[in-house]
Structures are given as C-alpha cells and as structure tokens.
Amino acid sequence: MKKLMAVMIAGLFACASVYAGDKAPEKDTQKVSAAEKKSEAKDDAKADKKSNKSTEKPKKEPSEAQKKQQERMKDCNAKAKEQNKSGPERKEFMSACLKG
C-alpha cells in the first residue's frame, strides 16, 4: 500500500511539472508574438509613408517673383553677415534691404 501511495505521489509531481513546463513557453511565445506584431505594425506604417511619398505631386518650381525674392534674401543676408549685424540692428537692416 505504501508503494502504491509513493507511486501515485510521484506521478502527481511528474504531471504537475510537465503541466507547469508547458505553460511557460506559451507565455514566451505570446510575448514574442506581441513584439512581432508591434514590429510588423511599424514596418507597415513605414511602408505606407513611403507609398504616400511616391504618390504625392512633385513640388512646383518657384515663380520668377519668388526666385527674385530668394535672391534678394541671399544678398541681404550676406551683406548683414559682412557687417556683423545682429539682433534688432540686423532686423532693421534686413527690412530696409529687402524693401529696396
């Protein structure tokens, strides 16, 4: 009778350890799969952004007036740097330079 009880208890421990061993890997795979899902979602978002960029209209060329204004800005900025202007003094200089 004692042998039978010992065998049954040993069997219970064996079953319990097998059962406990099965649960641990499932949790890990669930964690991994959740991480993989996040990674896949990020990859999908990146792919969407890239596809949106390729379908966007190309940028327009600036008009002649815009080109002229940009050149004026470059020239005035260069002059302000040469004269070491900064702060409010530079602001006044740039305003006057761009007007005429």
PDB file of N, CA and C in Angstrom:
ATOM      1  N   MET A   1       0.811  -1.182   0.000  1.00  0.00           N
ATOM      2  CA  MET A   1       0.000   0.000   0.000  1.00  0.00           C
ATOM      3  C   MET A   1       0.867   1.263   0.000  1.00  0.00           C
ATOM      4  N   LYS A   2       1.960   1.237   0.785  1.00  0.00           N
ATOM      5  CA  LYS A   2       2.850   2.381   0.833  1.00  0.00           C
ATOM      6  C   LYS A   2       3.509   2.606  -0.530  1.00  0.00           C
ATOM      7  N   LYS A   3       3.823   1.502  -1.205  1.00  0.00           N
ATOM      8  CA  LYS A   3       4.433   1.619  -2.523  1.00  0.00           C
ATOM      9  C   LYS A   3       3.456   2.246  -3.516  1.00  0.00           C
ATOM     10  N   LEU A   4       2.203   1.867  -3.427  1.00  0.00           N
ATOM     11  CA  LEU A   4       1.183   2.413  -4.308  1.00  0.00           C
ATOM     12  C   LEU A   4       1.027   3.914  -4.075  1.00  0.00           C
ATOM     13  N   MET A   5       1.005   4.339  -2.822  1.00  0.00           N
ATOM     14  CA  MET A   5       0.890   5.763  -2.493  1.00  0.00           C
ATOM     15  C   MET A   5       2.115   6.525  -2.999  1.00  0.00           C
ATOM     16  N   ALA A   6       3.282   5.947  -2.837  1.00  0.00           N
ATOM     17  CA  ALA A   6       4.511   6.599  -3.280  1.00  0.00           C
ATOM     18  C   ALA A   6       4.512   6.763  -4.799  1.00  0.00           C
ATOM     19  N   VAL A   7       4.046   5.742  -5.521  1.00  0.00           N
ATOM     20  CA  VAL A   7       3.982   5.810  -6.988  1.00  0.00           C
ATOM     21  C   VAL A   7       2.978   6.868  -7.421  1.00  0.00           C
ATOM     22  N   MET A   8       1.832   6.943  -6.744  1.00  0.00           N
ATOM     23  CA  MET A   8       0.804   7.924  -7.097  1.00  0.00           C
ATOM     24  C   MET A   8       1.298   9.354  -6.840  1.00  0.00           C
ATOM     25  N   ILE A   9       1.976   9.560  -5.719  1.00  0.00           N
ATOM     26  CA  ILE A   9       2.500  10.893  -5.404  1.00  0.00           C
ATOM     27  C   ILE A   9       3.576  11.289  -6.415  1.00  0.00           C
ATOM     28  N   ALA A  10       4.444  10.335  -6.767  1.00  0.00           N
ATOM     29  CA  ALA A  10       5.486  10.603  -7.757  1.00  0.00           C
ATOM     30  C   ALA A  10       4.845  10.947  -9.111  1.00  0.00           C
ATOM     31  N   GLY A  11       3.774  10.234  -9.445  1.00  0.00           N
ATOM     32  CA  GLY A  11       3.062  10.507 -10.694  1.00  0.00           C
ATOM     33  C   GLY A  11       2.439  11.898 -10.692  1.00  0.00           C
ATOM     34  N   LEU A  12       1.879  12.309  -9.574  1.00  0.00           N
ATOM     35  CA  LEU A  12       1.300  13.647  -9.457  1.00  0.00           C
ATOM     36  C   LEU A  12       2.359  14.727  -9.648  1.00  0.00           C
ATOM     37  N   PHE A  13       3.512  14.531  -9.014  1.00  0.00           N
ATOM     38  CA  PHE A  13       4.593  15.504  -9.173  1.00  0.00           C
ATOM     39  C   PHE A  13       5.086  15.563 -10.618  1.00  0.00           C
ATOM     40  N   ALA A  14       5.164  14.409 -11.243  1.00  0.00           N
ATOM     41  CA  ALA A  14       5.612  14.362 -12.636  1.00  0.00           C
ATOM     42  C   ALA A  14       4.614  15.089 -13.541  1.00  0.00           C
ATOM     43  N   CYS A  15       3.334  14.840 -13.336  1.00  0.00           N
ATOM     44  CA  CYS A  15       2.301  15.503 -14.145  1.00  0.00           C
ATOM     45  C   CYS A  15       2.300  17.004 -13.895  1.00  0.00           C
ATOM     46  N   ALA A  16       2.471  17.394 -12.645  1.00  0.00           N
ATOM     47  CA  ALA A  16       2.465  18.816 -12.305  1.00  0.00           C
ATOM     48  C   ALA A  16       3.640  19.538 -12.949  1.00  0.00           C
ATOM     49  N   SER A  17       4.808  18.902 -12.937  1.00  0.00           N
ATOM     50  CA  SER A  17       5.975  19.549 -13.524  1.00  0.00           C
ATOM     51  C   SER A  17       5.855  19.640 -15.041  1.00  0.00           C
ATOM     52  N   VAL A  18       5.271  18.627 -15.674  1.00  0.00           N
ATOM     53  CA  VAL A  18       5.057  18.656 -17.120  1.00  0.00           C
ATOM     54  C   VAL A  18       4.046  19.745 -17.468  1.00  0.00           C
ATOM     55  N   TYR A  19       2.988  19.812 -16.686  1.00  0.00           N
ATOM     56  CA  TYR A  19       1.954  20.813 -16.923  1.00  0.00           C
ATOM     57  C   TYR A  19       2.518  22.222 -16.738  1.00  0.00           C
ATOM     58  N   ALA A  20       3.308  22.418 -15.682  1.00  0.00           N
ATOM     59  CA  ALA A  20       3.906  23.731 -15.429  1.00  0.00           C
ATOM     60  C   ALA A  20       4.918  24.069 -16.519  1.00  0.00           C
ATOM     61  N   GLY A  21       5.629  23.081 -17.006  1.00  0.00           N
ATOM     62  CA  GLY A  21       6.606  23.292 -18.059  1.00  0.00           C
ATOM     63  C   GLY A  21       5.963  23.712 -19.365  1.00  0.00           C
ATOM     64  N   ASP A  22       4.751  23.254 -19.647  1.00  0.00           N
ATOM     65  CA  ASP A  22       4.058  23.601 -20.879  1.00  0.00           C
ATOM     66  C   ASP A  22       3.585  25.045 -20.878  1.00  0.00           C
ATOM     67  N   LYS A  23       3.224  25.578 -19.742  1.00  0.00           N
ATOM     68  CA  LYS A  23       2.686  26.930 -19.683  1.00  0.00           C
ATOM     69  C   LYS A  23       3.765  27.985 -19.918  1.00  0.00           C
ATOM     70  N   ALA A  24       4.950  27.796 -19.455  1.00  0.00           N
ATOM     71  CA  ALA A  24       5.997  28.793 -19.566  1.00  0.00           C
ATOM     72  C   ALA A  24       6.320  29.133 -21.022  1.00  0.00           C
ATOM     73  N   PRO A  25       6.530  28.152 -21.908  1.00  0.00           N
ATOM     74  CA  PRO A  25       6.835  28.512 -23.284  1.00  0.00           C
ATOM     75  C   PRO A  25       5.678  29.229 -23.985  1.00  0.00           C
ATOM     76  N   GLU A  26       4.439  28.927 -23.626  1.00  0.00           N
ATOM     77  CA  GLU A  26       3.313  29.594 -24.255  1.00  0.00           C
ATOM     78  C   GLU A  26       3.335  31.084 -23.950  1.00  0.00           C
ATOM     79  N   LYS A  27       3.673  31.425 -22.709  1.00  0.00           N
ATOM     80  CA  LYS A  27       3.741  32.831 -22.348  1.00  0.00           C
ATOM     81  C   LYS A  27       4.840  33.525 -23.133  1.00  0.00           C
ATOM     82  N   ASP A  28       5.982  32.872 -23.275  1.00  0.00           N
ATOM     83  CA  ASP A  28       7.079  33.451 -24.025  1.00  0.00           C
ATOM     84  C   ASP A  28       6.690  33.657 -25.480  1.00  0.00           C
ATOM     85  N   THR A  29       6.028  32.672 -26.065  1.00  0.00           N
ATOM     86  CA  THR A  29       5.640  32.819 -27.472  1.00  0.00           C
ATOM     87  C   THR A  29       4.594  33.895 -27.629  1.00  0.00           C
ATOM     88  N   GLN A  30       3.751  34.054 -26.619  1.00  0.00           N
ATOM     89  CA  GLN A  30       2.769  35.125 -26.692  1.00  0.00           C
ATOM     90  C   GLN A  30       3.466  36.476 -26.607  1.00  0.00           C
ATOM     91  N   LYS A  31       4.455  36.587 -25.772  1.00  0.00           N
ATOM     92  CA  LYS A  31       5.205  37.832 -25.682  1.00  0.00           C
ATOM     93  C   LYS A  31       5.940  38.111 -26.984  1.00  0.00           C
ATOM     94  N   VAL A  32       6.536  37.094 -27.534  1.00  0.00           N
ATOM     95  CA  VAL A  32       7.257  37.250 -28.787  1.00  0.00           C
ATOM     96  C   VAL A  32       6.289  37.642 -29.892  1.00  0.00           C
ATOM     97  N   SER A  33       5.147  37.000 -29.927  1.00  0.00           N
ATOM     98  CA  SER A  33       4.206  37.318 -30.981  1.00  0.00           C
ATOM     99  C   SER A  33       3.673  38.739 -30.825  1.00  0.00           C
ATOM    100  N   ALA A  34       3.510  39.216 -29.594  1.00  0.00           N
ATOM    101  CA  ALA A  34       3.074  40.591 -29.386  1.00  0.00           C
ATOM    102  C   ALA A  34       4.158  41.550 -29.873  1.00  0.00           C
ATOM    103  N   ALA A  35       5.419  41.215 -29.585  1.00  0.00           N
ATOM    104  CA  ALA A  35       6.525  42.050 -30.050  1.00  0.00           C
ATOM    105  C   ALA A  35       6.608  42.025 -31.571  1.00  0.00           C
ATOM    106  N   GLU A  36       6.389  40.860 -32.141  1.00  0.00           N
ATOM    107  CA  GLU A  36       6.410  40.759 -33.600  1.00  0.00           C
ATOM    108  C   GLU A  36       5.288  41.573 -34.219  1.00  0.00           C
ATOM    109  N   LYS A  37       4.124  41.565 -33.579  1.00  0.00           N
ATOM    110  CA  LYS A  37       3.001  42.349 -34.097  1.00  0.00           C
ATOM    111  C   LYS A  37       3.330  43.831 -34.087  1.00  0.00           C
ATOM    112  N   LYS A  38       3.960  44.306 -33.008  1.00  0.00           N
ATOM    113  CA  LYS A  38       4.348  45.712 -32.939  1.00  0.00           C
ATOM    114  C   LYS A  38       5.348  46.037 -34.034  1.00  0.00           C
ATOM    115  N   SER A  39       6.300  45.148 -34.223  1.00  0.00           N
ATOM    116  CA  SER A  39       7.313  45.352 -35.248  1.00  0.00           C
ATOM    117  C   SER A  39       6.687  45.383 -36.635  1.00  0.00           C
ATOM    118  N   GLU A  40       5.766  44.454 -36.879  1.00  0.00           N
ATOM    119  CA  GLU A  40       5.089  44.418 -38.172  1.00  0.00           C
ATOM    120  C   GLU A  40       4.258  45.674 -38.386  1.00  0.00           C
ATOM    121  N   ALA A  41       3.619  46.170 -37.337  1.00  0.00           N
ATOM    122  CA  ALA A  41       2.811  47.385 -37.447  1.00  0.00           C
ATOM    123  C   ALA A  41       3.698  48.577 -37.815  1.00  0.00           C
ATOM    124  N   LYS A  42       4.883  48.637 -37.197  1.00  0.00           N
ATOM    125  CA  LYS A  42       5.813  49.722 -37.518  1.00  0.00           C
ATOM    126  C   LYS A  42       6.275  49.617 -38.966  1.00  0.00           C
ATOM    127  N   ASP A  43       6.574  48.396 -39.406  1.00  0.00           N
ATOM    128  CA  ASP A  43       7.006  48.193 -40.785  1.00  0.00           C
ATOM    129  C   ASP A  43       5.906  48.591 -41.761  1.00  0.00           C
ATOM    130  N   ASP A  44       4.655  48.241 -41.431  1.00  0.00           N
ATOM    131  CA  ASP A  44       3.532  48.606 -42.286  1.00  0.00           C
ATOM    132  C   ASP A  44       3.371  50.118 -42.359  1.00  0.00           C
ATOM    133  N   ALA A  45       3.545  50.782 -41.218  1.00  0.00           N
ATOM    134  CA  ALA A  45       3.422  52.238 -41.188  1.00  0.00           C
ATOM    135  C   ALA A  45       4.507  52.884 -42.042  1.00  0.00           C
ATOM    136  N   LYS A  46       5.722  52.350 -41.962  1.00  0.00           N
ATOM    137  CA  LYS A  46       6.816  52.882 -42.781  1.00  0.00           C
ATOM    138  C   LYS A  46       6.525  52.678 -44.259  1.00  0.00           C
ATOM    139  N   ALA A  47       5.999  51.516 -44.597  1.00  0.00           N
ATOM    140  CA  ALA A  47       5.674  51.231 -45.993  1.00  0.00           C
ATOM    141  C   ALA A  47       4.581  52.168 -46.485  1.00  0.00           C
ATOM    142  N   ASP A  48       3.597  52.463 -45.634  1.00  0.00           N
ATOM    143  CA  ASP A  48       2.529  53.385 -46.018  1.00  0.00           C
ATOM    144  C   ASP A  48       3.089  54.778 -46.277  1.00  0.00           C
ATOM    145  N   LYS A  49       4.005  55.220 -45.410  1.00  0.00           N
ATOM    146  CA  LYS A  49       4.596  56.540 -45.599  1.00  0.00           C
ATOM    147  C   LYS A  49       5.363  56.611 -46.912  1.00  0.00           C
ATOM    148  N   LYS A  50       6.115  55.560 -47.200  1.00  0.00           N
ATOM    149  CA  LYS A  50       6.885  55.547 -48.440  1.00  0.00           C
ATOM    150  C   LYS A  50       5.963  55.557 -49.651  1.00  0.00           C
ATOM    151  N   SER A  51       4.877  54.801 -49.593  1.00  0.00           N
ATOM    152  CA  SER A  51       3.966  54.762 -50.732  1.00  0.00           C
ATOM    153  C   SER A  51       3.250  56.097 -50.903  1.00  0.00           C
ATOM    154  N   ASN A  52       2.961  56.792 -49.797  1.00  0.00           N
ATOM    155  CA  ASN A  52       2.330  58.109 -49.888  1.00  0.00           C
ATOM    156  C   ASN A  52       3.279  59.117 -50.518  1.00  0.00           C
ATOM    157  N   LYS A  53       4.556  59.023 -50.200  1.00  0.00           N
ATOM    158  CA  LYS A  53       5.518  59.943 -50.791  1.00  0.00           C
ATOM    159  C   LYS A  53       5.622  59.754 -52.294  1.00  0.00           C
ATOM    160  N   SER A  54       5.539  58.518 -52.723  1.00  0.00           N
ATOM    161  CA  SER A  54       5.674  58.263 -54.152  1.00  0.00           C
ATOM    162  C   SER A  54       4.436  58.704 -54.925  1.00  0.00           C
ATOM    163  N   THR A  55       3.282  58.802 -54.269  1.00  0.00           N
ATOM    164  CA  THR A  55       2.062  59.212 -54.953  1.00  0.00           C
ATOM    165  C   THR A  55       1.800  60.703 -54.831  1.00  0.00           C
ATOM    166  N   GLU A  56       2.600  61.410 -54.017  1.00  0.00           N
ATOM    167  CA  GLU A  56       2.418  62.852 -53.882  1.00  0.00           C
ATOM    168  C   GLU A  56       2.812  63.549 -55.171  1.00  0.00           C
ATOM    169  N   LYS A  57       2.205  64.713 -55.368  1.00  0.00           N
ATOM    170  CA  LYS A  57       2.545  65.515 -56.539  1.00  0.00           C
ATOM    171  C   LYS A  57       3.952  66.070 -56.370  1.00  0.00           C
ATOM    172  N   PRO A  58       4.698  66.187 -57.446  1.00  0.00           N
ATOM    173  CA  PRO A  58       6.029  66.774 -57.326  1.00  0.00           C
ATOM    174  C   PRO A  58       5.906  68.261 -56.957  1.00  0.00           C
ATOM    175  N   LYS A  59       6.902  68.769 -56.259  1.00  0.00           N
ATOM    176  CA  LYS A  59       6.875  70.159 -55.831  1.00  0.00           C
ATOM    177  C   LYS A  59       6.989  71.074 -57.044  1.00  0.00           C
ATOM    178  N   LYS A  60       6.254  72.180 -56.965  1.00  0.00           N
ATOM    179  CA  LYS A  60       6.274  73.156 -58.059  1.00  0.00           C
ATOM    180  C   LYS A  60       7.563  73.954 -58.015  1.00  0.00           C
ATOM    181  N   GLU A  61       7.994  74.386 -59.148  1.00  0.00           N
ATOM    182  CA  GLU A  61       9.131  75.283 -59.242  1.00  0.00           C
ATOM    183  C   GLU A  61       8.678  76.662 -58.776  1.00  0.00           C
ATOM    184  N   PRO A  62       9.546  77.419 -58.101  1.00  0.00           N
ATOM    185  CA  PRO A  62       9.157  78.761 -57.664  1.00  0.00           C
ATOM    186  C   PRO A  62       8.955  79.678 -58.877  1.00  0.00           C
ATOM    187  N   SER A  63       8.050  80.611 -58.722  1.00  0.00           N
ATOM    188  CA  SER A  63       7.782  81.565 -59.805  1.00  0.00           C
ATOM    189  C   SER A  63       8.957  82.540 -59.918  1.00  0.00           C
ATOM    190  N   GLU A  64       8.937  83.357 -60.954  1.00  0.00           N
ATOM    191  CA  GLU A  64      10.014  84.331 -61.154  1.00  0.00           C
ATOM    192  C   GLU A  64      10.074  85.322 -59.998  1.00  0.00           C
ATOM    193  N   ALA A  65       8.920  85.754 -59.512  1.00  0.00           N
ATOM    194  CA  ALA A  65       8.886  86.694 -58.381  1.00  0.00           C
ATOM    195  C   ALA A  65       9.471  86.035 -57.131  1.00  0.00           C
ATOM    196  N   GLN A  66       9.160  84.761 -56.922  1.00  0.00           N
ATOM    197  CA  GLN A  66       9.696  84.053 -55.760  1.00  0.00           C
ATOM    198  C   GLN A  66      11.206  83.883 -55.874  1.00  0.00           C
ATOM    199  N   LYS A  67      11.671  83.577 -57.072  1.00  0.00           N
ATOM    200  CA  LYS A  67      13.121  83.432 -57.289  1.00  0.00           C
ATOM    201  C   LYS A  67      13.836  84.749 -57.021  1.00  0.00           C
ATOM    202  N   LYS A  68      13.238  85.849 -57.485  1.00  0.00           N
ATOM    203  CA  LYS A  68      13.821  87.166 -57.289  1.00  0.00           C
ATOM    204  C   LYS A  68      13.897  87.500 -55.791  1.00  0.00           C
ATOM    205  N   GLN A  69      12.823  87.204 -55.048  1.00  0.00           N
ATOM    206  CA  GLN A  69      12.789  87.447 -53.607  1.00  0.00           C
ATOM    207  C   GLN A  69      13.848  86.604 -52.891  1.00  0.00           C
ATOM    208  N   GLN A  70      14.007  85.352 -53.300  1.00  0.00           N
ATOM    209  CA  GLN A  70      15.006  84.479 -52.683  1.00  0.00           C
ATOM    210  C   GLN A  70      16.416  85.021 -52.914  1.00  0.00           C
ATOM    211  N   GLU A  71      16.669  85.501 -54.121  1.00  0.00           N
ATOM    212  CA  GLU A  71      17.982  86.078 -54.424  1.00  0.00           C
ATOM    213  C   GLU A  71      18.236  87.319 -53.568  1.00  0.00           C
ATOM    214  N   ARG A  72      17.195  88.146 -53.431  1.00  0.00           N
ATOM    215  CA  ARG A  72      17.314  89.349 -52.619  1.00  0.00           C
ATOM    216  C   ARG A  72      17.624  88.975 -51.162  1.00  0.00           C
ATOM    217  N   MET A  73      16.942  87.927 -50.656  1.00  0.00           N
ATOM    218  CA  MET A  73      17.189  87.461 -49.288  1.00  0.00           C
ATOM    219  C   MET A  73      18.635  87.002 -49.119  1.00  0.00           C
ATOM    220  N   LYS A  74      19.127  86.257 -50.098  1.00  0.00           N
ATOM    221  CA  LYS A  74      20.509  85.774 -50.022  1.00  0.00           C
ATOM    222  C   LYS A  74      21.494  86.931 -49.998  1.00  0.00           C
ATOM    223  N   ASP A  75      21.272  87.913 -50.869  1.00  0.00           N
ATOM    224  CA  ASP A  75      22.177  89.057 -50.947  1.00  0.00           C
ATOM    225  C   ASP A  75      22.166  89.873 -49.652  1.00  0.00           C
ATOM    226  N   CYS A  76      20.965  90.158 -49.159  1.00  0.00           N
ATOM    227  CA  CYS A  76      20.856  90.937 -47.923  1.00  0.00           C
ATOM    228  C   CYS A  76      21.456  90.185 -46.738  1.00  0.00           C
ATOM    229  N   ASN A  77      21.247  88.899 -46.691  1.00  0.00           N
ATOM    230  CA  ASN A  77      21.806  88.091 -45.604  1.00  0.00           C
ATOM    231  C   ASN A  77      23.332  88.122 -45.650  1.00  0.00           C
ATOM    232  N   ALA A  78      23.887  88.038 -46.850  1.00  0.00           N
ATOM    233  CA  ALA A  78      25.345  88.080 -46.991  1.00  0.00           C
ATOM    234  C   ALA A  78      25.888  89.431 -46.539  1.00  0.00           C
ATOM    235  N   LYS A  79      25.204  90.510 -46.909  1.00  0.00           N
ATOM    236  CA  LYS A  79      25.643  91.848 -46.503  1.00  0.00           C
ATOM    237  C   LYS A  79      25.570  92.007 -44.982  1.00  0.00           C
ATOM    238  N   ALA A  80      24.504  91.480 -44.383  1.00  0.00           N
ATOM    239  CA  ALA A  80      24.356  91.579 -42.926  1.00  0.00           C
ATOM    240  C   ALA A  80      25.475  90.815 -42.218  1.00  0.00           C
ATOM    241  N   LYS A  81      25.872  89.684 -42.766  1.00  0.00           N
ATOM    242  CA  LYS A  81      26.977  88.911 -42.172  1.00  0.00           C
ATOM    243  C   LYS A  81      28.290  89.669 -42.290  1.00  0.00           C
ATOM    244  N   GLU A  82      28.519  90.311 -43.466  1.00  0.00           N
ATOM    245  CA  GLU A  82      29.756  91.067 -43.681  1.00  0.00           C
ATOM    246  C   GLU A  82      29.877  92.203 -42.675  1.00  0.00           C
ATOM    247  N   GLN A  83      28.737  92.833 -42.361  1.00  0.00           N
ATOM    248  CA  GLN A  83      28.742  93.983 -41.462  1.00  0.00           C
ATOM    249  C   GLN A  83      28.572  93.563 -39.990  1.00  0.00           C
ATOM    250  N   ASN A  84      28.534  92.244 -39.731  1.00  0.00           N
ATOM    251  CA  ASN A  84      28.408  91.707 -38.369  1.00  0.00           C
ATOM    252  C   ASN A  84      27.199  92.275 -37.623  1.00  0.00           C
ATOM    253  N   LYS A  85      26.097  92.358 -38.309  1.00  0.00           N
ATOM    254  CA  LYS A  85      24.870  92.876 -37.687  1.00  0.00           C
ATOM    255  C   LYS A  85      24.147  91.734 -36.982  1.00  0.00           C
ATOM    256  N   SER A  86      23.548  92.074 -35.819  1.00  0.00           N
ATOM    257  CA  SER A  86      22.792  91.065 -35.079  1.00  0.00           C
ATOM    258  C   SER A  86      21.679  91.747 -34.297  1.00  0.00           C
ATOM    259  N   GLY A  87      20.700  90.959 -33.913  1.00  0.00           N
ATOM    260  CA  GLY A  87      19.595  91.443 -33.093  1.00  0.00           C
ATOM    261  C   GLY A  87      18.717  92.443 -33.818  1.00  0.00           C
ATOM    262  N   PRO A  88      18.244  93.444 -33.097  1.00  0.00           N
ATOM    263  CA  PRO A  88      17.339  94.441 -33.689  1.00  0.00           C
ATOM    264  C   PRO A  88      17.987  95.228 -34.834  1.00  0.00           C
ATOM    265  N   GLU A  89      19.296  95.446 -34.719  1.00  0.00           N
ATOM    266  CA  GLU A  89      20.016  96.167 -35.770  1.00  0.00           C
ATOM    267  C   GLU A  89      19.960  95.379 -37.091  1.00  0.00           C
ATOM    268  N   ARG A  90      20.148  94.067 -36.990  1.00  0.00           N
ATOM    269  CA  ARG A  90      20.077  93.213 -38.185  1.00  0.00           C
ATOM    270  C   ARG A  90      18.659  93.190 -38.753  1.00  0.00           C
ATOM    271  N   LYS A  91      17.691  93.144 -37.878  1.00  0.00           N
ATOM    272  CA  LYS A  91      16.292  93.118 -38.305  1.00  0.00           C
ATOM    273  C   LYS A  91      15.950  94.373 -39.106  1.00  0.00           C
ATOM    274  N   GLU A  92      16.371  95.541 -38.600  1.00  0.00           N
ATOM    275  CA  GLU A  92      16.121  96.798 -39.313  1.00  0.00           C
ATOM    276  C   GLU A  92      16.856  96.815 -40.650  1.00  0.00           C
ATOM    277  N   PHE A  93      18.107  96.347 -40.634  1.00  0.00           N
ATOM    278  CA  PHE A  93      18.901  96.319 -41.871  1.00  0.00           C
ATOM    279  C   PHE A  93      18.246  95.422 -42.918  1.00  0.00           C
ATOM    280  N   MET A  94      17.820  94.221 -42.527  1.00  0.00           N
ATOM    281  CA  MET A  94      17.195  93.289 -43.462  1.00  0.00           C
ATOM    282  C   MET A  94      15.904  93.864 -44.026  1.00  0.00           C
ATOM    283  N   SER A  95      15.121  94.509 -43.185  1.00  0.00           N
ATOM    284  CA  SER A  95      13.859  95.112 -43.642  1.00  0.00           C
ATOM    285  C   SER A  95      14.118  96.173 -44.696  1.00  0.00           C
ATOM    286  N   ALA A  96      15.076  97.062 -44.399  1.00  0.00           N
ATOM    287  CA  ALA A  96      15.410  98.136 -45.350  1.00  0.00           C
ATOM    288  C   ALA A  96      15.996  97.551 -46.635  1.00  0.00           C
ATOM    289  N   CYS A  97      16.840  96.558 -46.505  1.00  0.00           N
ATOM    290  CA  CYS A  97      17.496  95.946 -47.663  1.00  0.00           C
ATOM    291  C   CYS A  97      16.479  95.254 -48.571  1.00  0.00           C
ATOM    292  N   LEU A  98      15.529  94.570 -47.994  1.00  0.00           N
ATOM    293  CA  LEU A  98      14.540  93.831 -48.791  1.00  0.00           C
ATOM    294  C   LEU A  98      13.531  94.764 -49.467  1.00  0.00           C
ATOM    295  N   LYS A  99      13.303  95.935 -48.883  1.00  0.00           N
ATOM    296  CA  LYS A  99      12.358  96.892 -49.484  1.00  0.00           C
ATOM    297  C   LYS A  99      12.941  97.540 -50.729  1.00  0.00           C
ATOM    298  N   GLY A 100      14.194  97.740 -50.754  1.00  0.00           N
ATOM    299  CA  GLY A 100      14.687  98.476 -51.915  1.00  0.00           C
ATOM    300  C   GLY A 100      16.056  98.164 -52.197  1.00  0.00           C
TER     301      GLY A 100
END
